[in-house]
Amino acid sequence: MTEVFTWTPDSKPTGRITQRTRSAKFGDGYEQVAGDGINAESQSWPLTFTGSKARIKAILDFLRARKGYQSFYWTPPFGDQSYFRCKEFDPADQGGGKWILSVTFDQAFAP
């Protein structure tokens, strides 16, 4: 069963929504363009999480358990709950017991 990522990222996330297309250009300047497959739109969300070492460790444990290839459910700011994967994460000690975790969630289309 696919698990749900429930932690709230720091404010103001900035995502990238990509529309994948295929095109063919002809000598007279005409270009034919079509969507590429049934999942032609994909999303990528660089996120940061700030908090105690225990909070950041809980997030890391969740992500590391999926080993970069298993997806999880997450709800992006503009969309419905979807499958996402996370292959890389960068934890950083900010001192004073505060940690920051940088990740990128890439949309997946199957568990």
PDB file of N, CA and C in Angstrom:
ATOM      1  N   MET A   1       0.840  -1.183   0.000  1.00  0.00           N
ATOM      2  CA  MET A   1       0.000   0.000   0.000  1.00  0.00           C
ATOM      3  C   MET A   1       0.885   1.246   0.000  1.00  0.00           C
ATOM      4  N   THR A   2       0.548   2.190  -0.837  1.00  0.00           N
ATOM      5  CA  THR A   2       1.312   3.428  -0.947  1.00  0.00           C
ATOM      6  C   THR A   2       1.036   4.308   0.269  1.00  0.00           C
ATOM      7  N   GLU A   3       2.102   4.805   0.883  1.00  0.00           N
ATOM      8  CA  GLU A   3       1.961   5.651   2.061  1.00  0.00           C
ATOM      9  C   GLU A   3       1.862   7.112   1.670  1.00  0.00           C
ATOM     10  N   VAL A   4       1.360   7.915   2.609  1.00  0.00           N
ATOM     11  CA  VAL A   4       1.141   9.335   2.364  1.00  0.00           C
ATOM     12  C   VAL A   4       2.210  10.146   3.093  1.00  0.00           C
ATOM     13  N   PHE A   5       2.836  11.069   2.368  1.00  0.00           N
ATOM     14  CA  PHE A   5       3.780  12.004   2.973  1.00  0.00           C
ATOM     15  C   PHE A   5       2.960  13.116   3.610  1.00  0.00           C
ATOM     16  N   THR A   6       3.057  13.292   4.934  1.00  0.00           N
ATOM     17  CA  THR A   6       2.154  14.192   5.648  1.00  0.00           C
ATOM     18  C   THR A   6       2.806  15.462   6.191  1.00  0.00           C
ATOM     19  N   TRP A   7       4.123  15.588   6.117  1.00  0.00           N
ATOM     20  CA  TRP A   7       4.796  16.750   6.680  1.00  0.00           C
ATOM     21  C   TRP A   7       4.559  17.980   5.805  1.00  0.00           C
ATOM     22  N   THR A   8       4.433  19.126   6.439  1.00  0.00           N
ATOM     23  CA  THR A   8       4.211  20.374   5.722  1.00  0.00           C
ATOM     24  C   THR A   8       5.551  21.048   5.442  1.00  0.00           C
ATOM     25  N   PRO A   9       5.815  21.375   4.168  1.00  0.00           N
ATOM     26  CA  PRO A   9       7.069  22.056   3.846  1.00  0.00           C
ATOM     27  C   PRO A   9       7.044  23.512   4.313  1.00  0.00           C
ATOM     28  N   ASP A  10       8.221  24.132   4.316  1.00  0.00           N
ATOM     29  CA  ASP A  10       8.294  25.559   4.622  1.00  0.00           C
ATOM     30  C   ASP A  10       7.444  26.321   3.609  1.00  0.00           C
ATOM     31  N   SER A  11       7.095  27.519   3.938  1.00  0.00           N
ATOM     32  CA  SER A  11       6.181  28.299   3.097  1.00  0.00           C
ATOM     33  C   SER A  11       6.775  28.644   1.733  1.00  0.00           C
ATOM     34  N   LYS A  12       5.891  28.967   0.841  1.00  0.00           N
ATOM     35  CA  LYS A  12       6.182  29.447  -0.505  1.00  0.00           C
ATOM     36  C   LYS A  12       6.973  28.464  -1.371  1.00  0.00           C
ATOM     37  N   PRO A  13       6.509  27.224  -1.520  1.00  0.00           N
ATOM     38  CA  PRO A  13       7.209  26.314  -2.441  1.00  0.00           C
ATOM     39  C   PRO A  13       7.043  26.774  -3.888  1.00  0.00           C
ATOM     40  N   THR A  14       8.065  26.542  -4.673  1.00  0.00           N
ATOM     41  CA  THR A  14       8.049  26.905  -6.090  1.00  0.00           C
ATOM     42  C   THR A  14       8.229  25.644  -6.905  1.00  0.00           C
ATOM     43  N   GLY A  15       7.215  25.248  -7.635  1.00  0.00           N
ATOM     44  CA  GLY A  15       7.284  24.026  -8.430  1.00  0.00           C
ATOM     45  C   GLY A  15       7.498  24.314  -9.902  1.00  0.00           C
ATOM     46  N   ARG A  16       7.721  23.241 -10.635  1.00  0.00           N
ATOM     47  CA  ARG A  16       7.842  23.326 -12.095  1.00  0.00           C
ATOM     48  C   ARG A  16       6.881  22.305 -12.684  1.00  0.00           C
ATOM     49  N   ILE A  17       5.978  22.794 -13.545  1.00  0.00           N
ATOM     50  CA  ILE A  17       5.039  21.924 -14.246  1.00  0.00           C
ATOM     51  C   ILE A  17       5.472  21.898 -15.705  1.00  0.00           C
ATOM     52  N   THR A  18       5.723  20.710 -16.216  1.00  0.00           N
ATOM     53  CA  THR A  18       6.254  20.551 -17.563  1.00  0.00           C
ATOM     54  C   THR A  18       5.233  19.851 -18.453  1.00  0.00           C
ATOM     55  N   GLN A  19       5.008  20.420 -19.609  1.00  0.00           N
ATOM     56  CA  GLN A  19       4.155  19.815 -20.629  1.00  0.00           C
ATOM     57  C   GLN A  19       5.070  19.195 -21.683  1.00  0.00           C
ATOM     58  N   ARG A  20       5.098  17.892 -21.742  1.00  0.00           N
ATOM     59  CA  ARG A  20       5.973  17.199 -22.696  1.00  0.00           C
ATOM     60  C   ARG A  20       5.258  17.080 -24.038  1.00  0.00           C
ATOM     61  N   THR A  21       5.935  17.502 -25.105  1.00  0.00           N
ATOM     62  CA  THR A  21       5.354  17.460 -26.436  1.00  0.00           C
ATOM     63  C   THR A  21       6.330  16.829 -27.422  1.00  0.00           C
ATOM     64  N   ARG A  22       5.802  16.454 -28.558  1.00  0.00           N
ATOM     65  CA  ARG A  22       6.600  16.000 -29.705  1.00  0.00           C
ATOM     66  C   ARG A  22       6.280  16.943 -30.853  1.00  0.00           C
ATOM     67  N   SER A  23       7.289  17.236 -31.651  1.00  0.00           N
ATOM     68  CA  SER A  23       7.031  18.131 -32.774  1.00  0.00           C
ATOM     69  C   SER A  23       7.829  17.710 -34.000  1.00  0.00           C
ATOM     70  N   ALA A  24       7.320  18.122 -35.137  1.00  0.00           N
ATOM     71  CA  ALA A  24       7.995  17.897 -36.420  1.00  0.00           C
ATOM     72  C   ALA A  24       7.945  19.217 -37.182  1.00  0.00           C
ATOM     73  N   LYS A  25       9.116  19.690 -37.597  1.00  0.00           N
ATOM     74  CA  LYS A  25       9.189  20.941 -38.360  1.00  0.00           C
ATOM     75  C   LYS A  25       9.402  20.608 -39.833  1.00  0.00           C
ATOM     76  N   PHE A  26       8.730  21.398 -40.655  1.00  0.00           N
ATOM     77  CA  PHE A  26       8.806  21.189 -42.095  1.00  0.00           C
ATOM     78  C   PHE A  26       9.498  22.384 -42.745  1.00  0.00           C
ATOM     79  N   GLY A  27       9.990  22.168 -43.954  1.00  0.00           N
ATOM     80  CA  GLY A  27      10.777  23.171 -44.653  1.00  0.00           C
ATOM     81  C   GLY A  27      10.067  24.483 -44.920  1.00  0.00           C
ATOM     82  N   ASP A  28       8.751  24.472 -44.965  1.00  0.00           N
ATOM     83  CA  ASP A  28       8.021  25.708 -45.257  1.00  0.00           C
ATOM     84  C   ASP A  28       7.697  26.513 -43.997  1.00  0.00           C
ATOM     85  N   GLY A  29       8.276  26.095 -42.850  1.00  0.00           N
ATOM     86  CA  GLY A  29       8.043  26.803 -41.594  1.00  0.00           C
ATOM     87  C   GLY A  29       6.915  26.232 -40.762  1.00  0.00           C
ATOM     88  N   TYR A  30       6.166  25.292 -41.324  1.00  0.00           N
ATOM     89  CA  TYR A  30       5.059  24.674 -40.593  1.00  0.00           C
ATOM     90  C   TYR A  30       5.621  23.731 -39.533  1.00  0.00           C
ATOM     91  N   GLU A  31       5.019  23.731 -38.356  1.00  0.00           N
ATOM     92  CA  GLU A  31       5.413  22.824 -37.287  1.00  0.00           C
ATOM     93  C   GLU A  31       4.176  22.105 -36.772  1.00  0.00           C
ATOM     94  N   GLN A  32       4.271  20.795 -36.686  1.00  0.00           N
ATOM     95  CA  GLN A  32       3.183  19.985 -36.158  1.00  0.00           C
ATOM     96  C   GLN A  32       3.558  19.601 -34.739  1.00  0.00           C
ATOM     97  N   VAL A  33       2.671  19.839 -33.779  1.00  0.00           N
ATOM     98  CA  VAL A  33       2.954  19.593 -32.364  1.00  0.00           C
ATOM     99  C   VAL A  33       1.822  18.778 -31.754  1.00  0.00           C
ATOM    100  N   ALA A  34       2.197  17.803 -30.908  1.00  0.00           N
ATOM    101  CA  ALA A  34       1.207  16.974 -30.216  1.00  0.00           C
ATOM    102  C   ALA A  34       1.720  16.648 -28.818  1.00  0.00           C
ATOM    103  N   GLY A  35       0.803  16.340 -27.924  1.00  0.00           N
ATOM    104  CA  GLY A  35       1.179  15.892 -26.589  1.00  0.00           C
ATOM    105  C   GLY A  35       1.892  14.553 -26.665  1.00  0.00           C
ATOM    106  N   ASP A  36       2.820  14.312 -25.730  1.00  0.00           N
ATOM    107  CA  ASP A  36       3.627  13.102 -25.740  1.00  0.00           C
ATOM    108  C   ASP A  36       3.105  12.119 -24.690  1.00  0.00           C
ATOM    109  N   GLY A  37       2.170  11.281 -25.085  1.00  0.00           N
ATOM    110  CA  GLY A  37       1.673  10.236 -24.199  1.00  0.00           C
ATOM    111  C   GLY A  37       0.513  10.681 -23.331  1.00  0.00           C
ATOM    112  N   ILE A  38      -0.004   9.732 -22.546  1.00  0.00           N
ATOM    113  CA  ILE A  38      -1.168  10.029 -21.713  1.00  0.00           C
ATOM    114  C   ILE A  38      -0.793  10.823 -20.465  1.00  0.00           C
ATOM    115  N   ASN A  39       0.472  10.774 -20.056  1.00  0.00           N
ATOM    116  CA  ASN A  39       0.943  11.538 -18.899  1.00  0.00           C
ATOM    117  C   ASN A  39       1.919  12.607 -19.366  1.00  0.00           C
ATOM    118  N   ALA A  40       1.456  13.482 -20.233  1.00  0.00           N
ATOM    119  CA  ALA A  40       2.332  14.488 -20.835  1.00  0.00           C
ATOM    120  C   ALA A  40       2.670  15.632 -19.876  1.00  0.00           C
ATOM    121  N   GLU A  41       1.934  15.751 -18.801  1.00  0.00           N
ATOM    122  CA  GLU A  41       2.240  16.793 -17.819  1.00  0.00           C
ATOM    123  C   GLU A  41       2.870  16.155 -16.588  1.00  0.00           C
ATOM    124  N   SER A  42       3.975  16.740 -16.133  1.00  0.00           N
ATOM    125  CA  SER A  42       4.612  16.252 -14.914  1.00  0.00           C
ATOM    126  C   SER A  42       5.018  17.433 -14.044  1.00  0.00           C
ATOM    127  N   GLN A  43       5.163  17.169 -12.760  1.00  0.00           N
ATOM    128  CA  GLN A  43       5.490  18.209 -11.797  1.00  0.00           C
ATOM    129  C   GLN A  43       6.763  17.859 -11.038  1.00  0.00           C
ATOM    130  N   SER A  44       7.500  18.887 -10.673  1.00  0.00           N
ATOM    131  CA  SER A  44       8.689  18.745  -9.842  1.00  0.00           C
ATOM    132  C   SER A  44       8.661  19.863  -8.805  1.00  0.00           C
ATOM    133  N   TRP A  45       8.858  19.508  -7.546  1.00  0.00           N
ATOM    134  CA  TRP A  45       8.746  20.470  -6.452  1.00  0.00           C
ATOM    135  C   TRP A  45       9.983  20.442  -5.558  1.00  0.00           C
ATOM    136  N   PRO A  46      10.879  21.430  -5.665  1.00  0.00           N
ATOM    137  CA  PRO A  46      11.950  21.569  -4.683  1.00  0.00           C
ATOM    138  C   PRO A  46      11.340  22.112  -3.387  1.00  0.00           C
ATOM    139  N   LEU A  47      11.568  21.426  -2.297  1.00  0.00           N
ATOM    140  CA  LEU A  47      10.958  21.793  -1.018  1.00  0.00           C
ATOM    141  C   LEU A  47      12.016  21.862   0.074  1.00  0.00           C
ATOM    142  N   THR A  48      11.708  22.625   1.107  1.00  0.00           N
ATOM    143  CA  THR A  48      12.564  22.644   2.290  1.00  0.00           C
ATOM    144  C   THR A  48      11.695  22.424   3.524  1.00  0.00           C
ATOM    145  N   PHE A  49      12.290  21.767   4.483  1.00  0.00           N
ATOM    146  CA  PHE A  49      11.656  21.504   5.770  1.00  0.00           C
ATOM    147  C   PHE A  49      12.616  21.969   6.851  1.00  0.00           C
ATOM    148  N   THR A  50      12.130  22.731   7.793  1.00  0.00           N
ATOM    149  CA  THR A  50      12.950  23.228   8.881  1.00  0.00           C
ATOM    150  C   THR A  50      12.366  22.728  10.193  1.00  0.00           C
ATOM    151  N   GLY A  51      13.252  22.378  11.122  1.00  0.00           N
ATOM    152  CA  GLY A  51      12.759  21.942  12.418  1.00  0.00           C
ATOM    153  C   GLY A  51      13.824  21.283  13.259  1.00  0.00           C
ATOM    154  N   SER A  52      13.358  20.608  14.272  1.00  0.00           N
ATOM    155  CA  SER A  52      14.263  19.916  15.183  1.00  0.00           C
ATOM    156  C   SER A  52      14.903  18.722  14.488  1.00  0.00           C
ATOM    157  N   LYS A  53      15.953  18.238  15.095  1.00  0.00           N
ATOM    158  CA  LYS A  53      16.625  17.059  14.556  1.00  0.00           C
ATOM    159  C   LYS A  53      15.662  15.882  14.476  1.00  0.00           C
ATOM    160  N   ALA A  54      14.785  15.731  15.464  1.00  0.00           N
ATOM    161  CA  ALA A  54      13.822  14.625  15.484  1.00  0.00           C
ATOM    162  C   ALA A  54      12.832  14.735  14.317  1.00  0.00           C
ATOM    163  N   ARG A  55      12.356  15.944  14.025  1.00  0.00           N
ATOM    164  CA  ARG A  55      11.418  16.132  12.903  1.00  0.00           C
ATOM    165  C   ARG A  55      12.091  15.806  11.575  1.00  0.00           C
ATOM    166  N   ILE A  56      13.288  16.321  11.380  1.00  0.00           N
ATOM    167  CA  ILE A  56      14.008  16.084  10.129  1.00  0.00           C
ATOM    168  C   ILE A  56      14.352  14.605   9.990  1.00  0.00           C
ATOM    169  N   LYS A  57      14.724  13.960  11.084  1.00  0.00           N
ATOM    170  CA  LYS A  57      15.032  12.526  11.038  1.00  0.00           C
ATOM    171  C   LYS A  57      13.803  11.717  10.646  1.00  0.00           C
ATOM    172  N   ALA A  58      12.625  12.090  11.151  1.00  0.00           N
ATOM    173  CA  ALA A  58      11.393  11.381  10.797  1.00  0.00           C
ATOM    174  C   ALA A  58      11.113  11.500   9.293  1.00  0.00           C
ATOM    175  N   ILE A  59      11.322  12.685   8.733  1.00  0.00           N
ATOM    176  CA  ILE A  59      11.133  12.874   7.292  1.00  0.00           C
ATOM    177  C   ILE A  59      12.153  12.048   6.517  1.00  0.00           C
ATOM    178  N   LEU A  60      13.413  12.109   6.931  1.00  0.00           N
ATOM    179  CA  LEU A  60      14.472  11.327   6.279  1.00  0.00           C
ATOM    180  C   LEU A  60      14.172   9.831   6.339  1.00  0.00           C
ATOM    181  N   ASP A  61      13.718   9.361   7.480  1.00  0.00           N
ATOM    182  CA  ASP A  61      13.389   7.936   7.618  1.00  0.00           C
ATOM    183  C   ASP A  61      12.307   7.535   6.613  1.00  0.00           C
ATOM    184  N   PHE A  62      11.280   8.380   6.468  1.00  0.00           N
ATOM    185  CA  PHE A  62      10.208   8.113   5.506  1.00  0.00           C
ATOM    186  C   PHE A  62      10.769   8.031   4.090  1.00  0.00           C
ATOM    187  N   LEU A  63      11.569   9.022   3.700  1.00  0.00           N
ATOM    188  CA  LEU A  63      12.113   9.070   2.336  1.00  0.00           C
ATOM    189  C   LEU A  63      13.123   7.954   2.083  1.00  0.00           C
ATOM    190  N   ARG A  64      13.996   7.692   3.039  1.00  0.00           N
ATOM    191  CA  ARG A  64      15.012   6.649   2.863  1.00  0.00           C
ATOM    192  C   ARG A  64      14.389   5.267   2.770  1.00  0.00           C
ATOM    193  N   ALA A  65      13.267   5.059   3.417  1.00  0.00           N
ATOM    194  CA  ALA A  65      12.590   3.762   3.359  1.00  0.00           C
ATOM    195  C   ALA A  65      12.100   3.441   1.948  1.00  0.00           C
ATOM    196  N   ARG A  66      11.896   4.479   1.126  1.00  0.00           N
ATOM    197  CA  ARG A  66      11.436   4.282  -0.256  1.00  0.00           C
ATOM    198  C   ARG A  66      12.583   4.132  -1.244  1.00  0.00           C
ATOM    199  N   LYS A  67      13.811   4.321  -0.790  1.00  0.00           N
ATOM    200  CA  LYS A  67      15.038   4.046  -1.555  1.00  0.00           C
ATOM    201  C   LYS A  67      15.133   4.769  -2.899  1.00  0.00           C
ATOM    202  N   GLY A  68      14.394   5.851  -3.069  1.00  0.00           N
ATOM    203  CA  GLY A  68      14.490   6.648  -4.276  1.00  0.00           C
ATOM    204  C   GLY A  68      13.672   6.153  -5.458  1.00  0.00           C
ATOM    205  N   TYR A  69      13.168   4.932  -5.389  1.00  0.00           N
ATOM    206  CA  TYR A  69      12.413   4.408  -6.540  1.00  0.00           C
ATOM    207  C   TYR A  69      10.960   4.097  -6.212  1.00  0.00           C
ATOM    208  N   GLN A  70      10.625   3.915  -4.960  1.00  0.00           N
ATOM    209  CA  GLN A  70       9.233   3.665  -4.599  1.00  0.00           C
ATOM    210  C   GLN A  70       8.516   4.999  -4.407  1.00  0.00           C
ATOM    211  N   SER A  71       7.327   5.099  -4.936  1.00  0.00           N
ATOM    212  CA  SER A  71       6.599   6.364  -4.838  1.00  0.00           C
ATOM    213  C   SER A  71       5.775   6.426  -3.554  1.00  0.00           C
ATOM    214  N   PHE A  72       5.334   7.631  -3.263  1.00  0.00           N
ATOM    215  CA  PHE A  72       4.466   7.901  -2.114  1.00  0.00           C
ATOM    216  C   PHE A  72       3.447   8.940  -2.565  1.00  0.00           C
ATOM    217  N   TYR A  73       2.368   9.034  -1.825  1.00  0.00           N
ATOM    218  CA  TYR A  73       1.365  10.045  -2.116  1.00  0.00           C
ATOM    219  C   TYR A  73       1.771  11.375  -1.478  1.00  0.00           C
ATOM    220  N   TRP A  74       1.589  12.443  -2.237  1.00  0.00           N
ATOM    221  CA  TRP A  74       1.786  13.795  -1.716  1.00  0.00           C
ATOM    222  C   TRP A  74       0.854  14.718  -2.487  1.00  0.00           C
ATOM    223  N   THR A  75       0.334  15.742  -1.822  1.00  0.00           N
ATOM    224  CA  THR A  75      -0.564  16.686  -2.467  1.00  0.00           C
ATOM    225  C   THR A  75       0.179  17.995  -2.712  1.00  0.00           C
ATOM    226  N   PRO A  76       0.466  18.307  -3.989  1.00  0.00           N
ATOM    227  CA  PRO A  76       1.141  19.571  -4.298  1.00  0.00           C
ATOM    228  C   PRO A  76       0.194  20.754  -4.105  1.00  0.00           C
ATOM    229  N   PRO A  77       0.731  21.963  -3.990  1.00  0.00           N
ATOM    230  CA  PRO A  77      -0.116  23.135  -3.756  1.00  0.00           C
ATOM    231  C   PRO A  77      -1.203  23.339  -4.807  1.00  0.00           C
ATOM    232  N   PHE A  78      -0.929  23.031  -6.077  1.00  0.00           N
ATOM    233  CA  PHE A  78      -1.923  23.191  -7.139  1.00  0.00           C
ATOM    234  C   PHE A  78      -2.240  21.843  -7.733  1.00  0.00           C
ATOM    235  N   GLY A  79      -2.983  21.041  -7.038  1.00  0.00           N
ATOM    236  CA  GLY A  79      -3.306  19.755  -7.618  1.00  0.00           C
ATOM    237  C   GLY A  79      -3.899  18.786  -6.626  1.00  0.00           C
ATOM    238  N   ASP A  80      -4.153  17.617  -7.135  1.00  0.00           N
ATOM    239  CA  ASP A  80      -4.710  16.546  -6.333  1.00  0.00           C
ATOM    240  C   ASP A  80      -3.584  15.649  -5.841  1.00  0.00           C
ATOM    241  N   GLN A  81      -3.894  14.855  -4.843  1.00  0.00           N
ATOM    242  CA  GLN A  81      -2.915  13.907  -4.331  1.00  0.00           C
ATOM    243  C   GLN A  81      -2.433  13.019  -5.479  1.00  0.00           C
ATOM    244  N   SER A  82      -1.117  12.905  -5.622  1.00  0.00           N
ATOM    245  CA  SER A  82      -0.524  12.145  -6.718  1.00  0.00           C
ATOM    246  C   SER A  82       0.670  11.367  -6.201  1.00  0.00           C
ATOM    247  N   TYR A  83       1.204  10.508  -7.066  1.00  0.00           N
ATOM    248  CA  TYR A  83       2.424   9.785  -6.749  1.00  0.00           C
ATOM    249  C   TYR A  83       3.631  10.684  -6.964  1.00  0.00           C
ATOM    250  N   PHE A  84       4.583  10.616  -6.044  1.00  0.00           N
ATOM    251  CA  PHE A  84       5.850  11.330  -6.172  1.00  0.00           C
ATOM    252  C   PHE A  84       6.980  10.438  -5.702  1.00  0.00           C
ATOM    253  N   ARG A  85       8.185  10.755  -6.159  1.00  0.00           N
ATOM    254  CA  ARG A  85       9.409  10.081  -5.715  1.00  0.00           C
ATOM    255  C   ARG A  85      10.413  11.138  -5.301  1.00  0.00           C
ATOM    256  N   CYS A  86      11.329  10.735  -4.439  1.00  0.00           N
ATOM    257  CA  CYS A  86      12.404  11.622  -4.001  1.00  0.00           C
ATOM    258  C   CYS A  86      13.699  10.825  -4.002  1.00  0.00           C
ATOM    259  N   LYS A  87      14.644  11.211  -4.865  1.00  0.00           N
ATOM    260  CA  LYS A  87      15.907  10.478  -4.996  1.00  0.00           C
ATOM    261  C   LYS A  87      17.045  11.081  -4.191  1.00  0.00           C
ATOM    262  N   GLU A  88      16.978  12.378  -3.920  1.00  0.00           N
ATOM    263  CA  GLU A  88      18.070  13.061  -3.217  1.00  0.00           C
ATOM    264  C   GLU A  88      17.509  13.948  -2.124  1.00  0.00           C
ATOM    265  N   PHE A  89      18.270  14.063  -1.050  1.00  0.00           N
ATOM    266  CA  PHE A  89      17.882  14.946   0.036  1.00  0.00           C
ATOM    267  C   PHE A  89      19.147  15.468   0.693  1.00  0.00           C
ATOM    268  N   ASP A  90      19.093  16.724   1.118  1.00  0.00           N
ATOM    269  CA  ASP A  90      20.253  17.402   1.687  1.00  0.00           C
ATOM    270  C   ASP A  90      19.918  17.951   3.066  1.00  0.00           C
ATOM    271  N   PRO A  91      20.269  17.208   4.127  1.00  0.00           N
ATOM    272  CA  PRO A  91      20.067  17.740   5.476  1.00  0.00           C
ATOM    273  C   PRO A  91      21.247  18.640   5.863  1.00  0.00           C
ATOM    274  N   ALA A  92      20.951  19.703   6.593  1.00  0.00           N
ATOM    275  CA  ALA A  92      22.006  20.620   7.028  1.00  0.00           C
ATOM    276  C   ALA A  92      21.717  21.100   8.446  1.00  0.00           C
ATOM    277  N   ASP A  93      22.721  21.013   9.283  1.00  0.00           N
ATOM    278  CA  ASP A  93      22.633  21.473  10.667  1.00  0.00           C
ATOM    279  C   ASP A  93      22.775  22.989  10.671  1.00  0.00           C
ATOM    280  N   GLN A  94      21.789  23.681  11.211  1.00  0.00           N
ATOM    281  CA  GLN A  94      21.811  25.141  11.274  1.00  0.00           C
ATOM    282  C   GLN A  94      22.295  25.653  12.616  1.00  0.00           C
ATOM    283  N   GLY A  95      22.617  24.733  13.522  1.00  0.00           N
ATOM    284  CA  GLY A  95      23.059  25.119  14.851  1.00  0.00           C
ATOM    285  C   GLY A  95      21.888  25.363  15.784  1.00  0.00           C
ATOM    286  N   GLY A  96      22.149  25.284  17.063  1.00  0.00           N
ATOM    287  CA  GLY A  96      21.111  25.534  18.053  1.00  0.00           C
ATOM    288  C   GLY A  96      19.975  24.529  18.023  1.00  0.00           C
ATOM    289  N   GLY A  97      20.238  23.322  17.542  1.00  0.00           N
ATOM    290  CA  GLY A  97      19.215  22.282  17.481  1.00  0.00           C
ATOM    291  C   GLY A  97      18.287  22.400  16.282  1.00  0.00           C
ATOM    292  N   LYS A  98      18.536  23.367  15.404  1.00  0.00           N
ATOM    293  CA  LYS A  98      17.692  23.570  14.219  1.00  0.00           C
ATOM    294  C   LYS A  98      18.345  22.920  12.999  1.00  0.00           C
ATOM    295  N   TRP A  99      17.522  22.220  12.222  1.00  0.00           N
ATOM    296  CA  TRP A  99      17.985  21.557  11.003  1.00  0.00           C
ATOM    297  C   TRP A  99      17.128  22.017   9.833  1.00  0.00           C
ATOM    298  N   ILE A 100      17.707  21.916   8.633  1.00  0.00           N
ATOM    299  CA  ILE A 100      16.972  22.206   7.418  1.00  0.00           C
ATOM    300  C   ILE A 100      17.195  21.038   6.454  1.00  0.00           C
ATOM    301  N   LEU A 101      16.146  20.633   5.776  1.00  0.00           N
ATOM    302  CA  LEU A 101      16.214  19.525   4.829  1.00  0.00           C
ATOM    303  C   LEU A 101      15.708  20.017   3.481  1.00  0.00           C
ATOM    304  N   SER A 102      16.543  19.869   2.447  1.00  0.00           N
ATOM    305  CA  SER A 102      16.164  20.245   1.086  1.00  0.00           C
ATOM    306  C   SER A 102      15.933  18.976   0.279  1.00  0.00           C
ATOM    307  N   VAL A 103      14.821  18.914  -0.422  1.00  0.00           N
ATOM    308  CA  VAL A 103      14.453  17.741  -1.224  1.00  0.00           C
ATOM    309  C   VAL A 103      13.809  18.211  -2.520  1.00  0.00           C
ATOM    310  N   THR A 104      13.687  17.305  -3.470  1.00  0.00           N
ATOM    311  CA  THR A 104      12.894  17.570  -4.674  1.00  0.00           C
ATOM    312  C   THR A 104      11.966  16.388  -4.888  1.00  0.00           C
ATOM    313  N   PHE A 105      10.670  16.670  -4.960  1.00  0.00           N
ATOM    314  CA  PHE A 105       9.673  15.651  -5.241  1.00  0.00           C
ATOM    315  C   PHE A 105       9.367  15.695  -6.729  1.00  0.00           C
ATOM    316  N   ASP A 106       9.581  14.571  -7.406  1.00  0.00           N
ATOM    317  CA  ASP A 106       9.291  14.439  -8.835  1.00  0.00           C
ATOM    318  C   ASP A 106       8.076  13.549  -9.007  1.00  0.00           C
ATOM    319  N   GLN A 107       7.132  13.995  -9.806  1.00  0.00           N
ATOM    320  CA  GLN A 107       5.907  13.239 -10.005  1.00  0.00           C
ATOM    321  C   GLN A 107       6.202  11.882 -10.655  1.00  0.00           C
ATOM    322  N   ALA A 108       5.501  10.873 -10.175  1.00  0.00           N
ATOM    323  CA  ALA A 108       5.578   9.522 -10.728  1.00  0.00           C
ATOM    324  C   ALA A 108       4.176   9.160 -11.203  1.00  0.00           C
ATOM    325  N   PHE A 109       4.082   8.118 -12.020  1.00  0.00           N
ATOM    326  CA  PHE A 109       2.771   7.762 -12.548  1.00  0.00           C
ATOM    327  C   PHE A 109       2.357   6.332 -12.204  1.00  0.00           C
ATOM    328  N   ALA A 110       3.120   5.712 -11.328  1.00  0.00           N
ATOM    329  CA  ALA A 110       2.803   4.368 -10.845  1.00  0.00           C
ATOM    330  C   ALA A 110       3.499   4.182  -9.513  1.00  0.00           C
ATOM    331  N   PRO A 111       2.979   3.302  -8.692  1.00  0.00           N
ATOM    332  CA  PRO A 111       3.619   3.078  -7.390  1.00  0.00           C
ATOM    333  C   PRO A 111       4.997   2.518  -7.570  1.00  0.00           C
TER     334      PRO A 111
END
